[in-house]
Amino acid sequence: MTEHIKITIHPQAPLKPAEGQPCNGCGVCCLVEPCPLGMVLSLKTQGACRMLRWHDELGLYRCGALEVPVLKHLARRWIAAGVGCDCSYEDGRG
C-alpha cells in the first residue's frame, strides 16, 4: 500500500525531479520530513523541516542551514547539496 502524506507546497515551486536528477529546489523532501541535520536544527523528526526557506526571488526552496555562515560548509555536505534528488515521494502536481 502506498503511503500518502499531505504537504503544503508553495504554488510556484518547481515540480519534483525524478530521483537521481539534479535538485531544483522543489522542497518536497524537506516538506515531508527533515534530514538528519534538519532533525537536529529544527528539533523534530517528523513533518516539514523548520529550516526550509522559500525564496520568492528565485522561485524555489533552499535549506536555511546554508544561510548560517558557520554551518554552510558542513550543511552542504550533510544535505548532499548538488548530489541529486534522493526523495522517492511524488508531489502529485506533475
Protein backbone atom coordinates (compact mmCIF):
# COMPACT_ATOMS: atom_id res chain seq x y z
CA MET A 1 0.00 0.00 0.00
CA THR A 2 1.30 3.43 -0.94
CA GLU A 3 1.68 5.88 1.93
CA HIS A 4 0.02 9.25 1.34
CA ILE A 5 1.38 12.28 3.16
CA LYS A 6 -0.25 15.68 2.76
CA ILE A 7 2.19 18.57 2.42
CA THR A 8 1.63 22.24 1.78
CA ILE A 9 3.88 23.33 -1.04
CA HIS A 10 4.31 26.81 -2.48
CA PRO A 11 2.20 27.02 -5.66
CA GLN A 12 5.15 28.40 -7.64
CA ALA A 13 7.59 25.70 -6.51
CA PRO A 14 9.07 23.71 -9.37
CA LEU A 15 7.80 20.18 -9.94
CA LYS A 16 9.82 17.49 -8.17
CA PRO A 17 12.50 16.00 -10.40
CA ALA A 18 12.87 12.25 -10.83
CA GLU A 19 15.13 10.50 -8.34
CA GLY A 20 18.77 10.95 -9.31
CA GLN A 21 18.12 14.12 -11.30
CA PRO A 22 19.64 17.41 -10.10
CA CYS A 23 17.87 19.16 -7.23
CA ASN A 24 15.71 22.03 -8.44
CA GLY A 25 14.55 23.40 -5.08
CA CYS A 26 11.08 21.85 -5.18
CA GLY A 27 11.17 21.32 -1.40
CA VAL A 28 9.24 18.03 -1.38
CA CYS A 29 11.90 16.10 0.55
CA CYS A 30 12.12 18.69 3.35
CA LEU A 31 8.36 19.24 3.47
CA VAL A 32 7.82 15.51 4.05
CA GLU A 33 10.45 15.07 6.77
CA PRO A 34 13.65 16.71 7.99
CA CYS A 35 17.01 15.21 7.06
CA PRO A 36 19.36 14.27 9.94
CA LEU A 37 20.76 17.82 10.05
CA GLY A 38 17.23 19.24 9.96
CA MET A 39 16.24 16.98 12.84
CA VAL A 40 18.97 18.47 14.98
CA LEU A 41 18.37 22.08 13.94
CA SER A 42 14.58 22.00 13.96
CA LEU A 43 14.24 19.72 17.00
CA LYS A 44 11.76 17.42 15.30
CA THR A 45 11.84 14.07 13.50
CA GLN A 46 8.59 14.22 11.53
CA GLY A 47 6.78 16.71 9.33
CA ALA A 48 8.18 19.69 7.48
CA CYS A 49 11.67 20.80 8.42
CA ARG A 50 11.71 24.18 10.15
CA MET A 51 14.93 25.08 8.33
CA LEU A 52 13.30 25.05 4.88
CA ARG A 53 13.06 28.54 3.36
CA TRP A 54 11.06 29.72 0.33
CA HIS A 55 12.85 32.32 -1.85
CA ASP A 56 10.42 34.43 -3.90
CA GLU A 57 13.20 35.96 -5.98
CA LEU A 58 14.47 32.51 -7.02
CA GLY A 59 11.12 30.72 -7.11
CA LEU A 60 12.40 27.78 -5.09
CA TYR A 61 13.13 26.35 -1.67
CA ARG A 62 16.55 26.24 -0.02
CA CYS A 63 17.86 24.88 3.27
CA GLY A 64 18.11 27.62 5.88
CA ALA A 65 21.26 25.98 7.29
CA LEU A 66 23.05 27.11 4.11
CA GLU A 67 22.43 30.70 5.22
CA VAL A 68 24.31 30.25 8.51
CA PRO A 69 28.00 31.01 7.82
CA VAL A 70 29.35 28.66 10.48
CA LEU A 71 27.18 25.79 9.18
CA LYS A 72 27.33 26.43 5.43
CA HIS A 73 30.22 24.11 4.55
CA LEU A 74 29.04 21.22 6.72
CA ALA A 75 25.41 21.74 5.75
CA ARG A 76 26.21 21.39 2.03
CA ARG A 77 27.84 18.04 2.75
CA TRP A 78 25.21 16.76 5.21
CA ILE A 79 22.26 17.58 2.96
CA ALA A 80 24.14 16.24 -0.08
CA ALA A 81 23.74 19.52 -1.96
CA GLY A 82 24.47 19.05 -5.64
CA VAL A 83 24.29 15.24 -5.48
CA GLY A 84 20.80 14.86 -6.91
CA CYS A 85 17.27 14.09 -5.82
CA ASP A 86 17.04 11.21 -3.35
CA CYS A 87 13.36 11.67 -2.48
CA SER A 88 11.04 8.86 -3.54
CA TYR A 89 7.86 10.84 -2.78
CA GLU A 90 5.90 12.43 -5.61
CA ASP A 91 4.31 15.83 -5.15
CA GLY A 92 1.14 14.90 -7.06
CA ARG A 93 1.23 18.00 -9.25
CA GLY A 94 3.00 16.51 -12.24
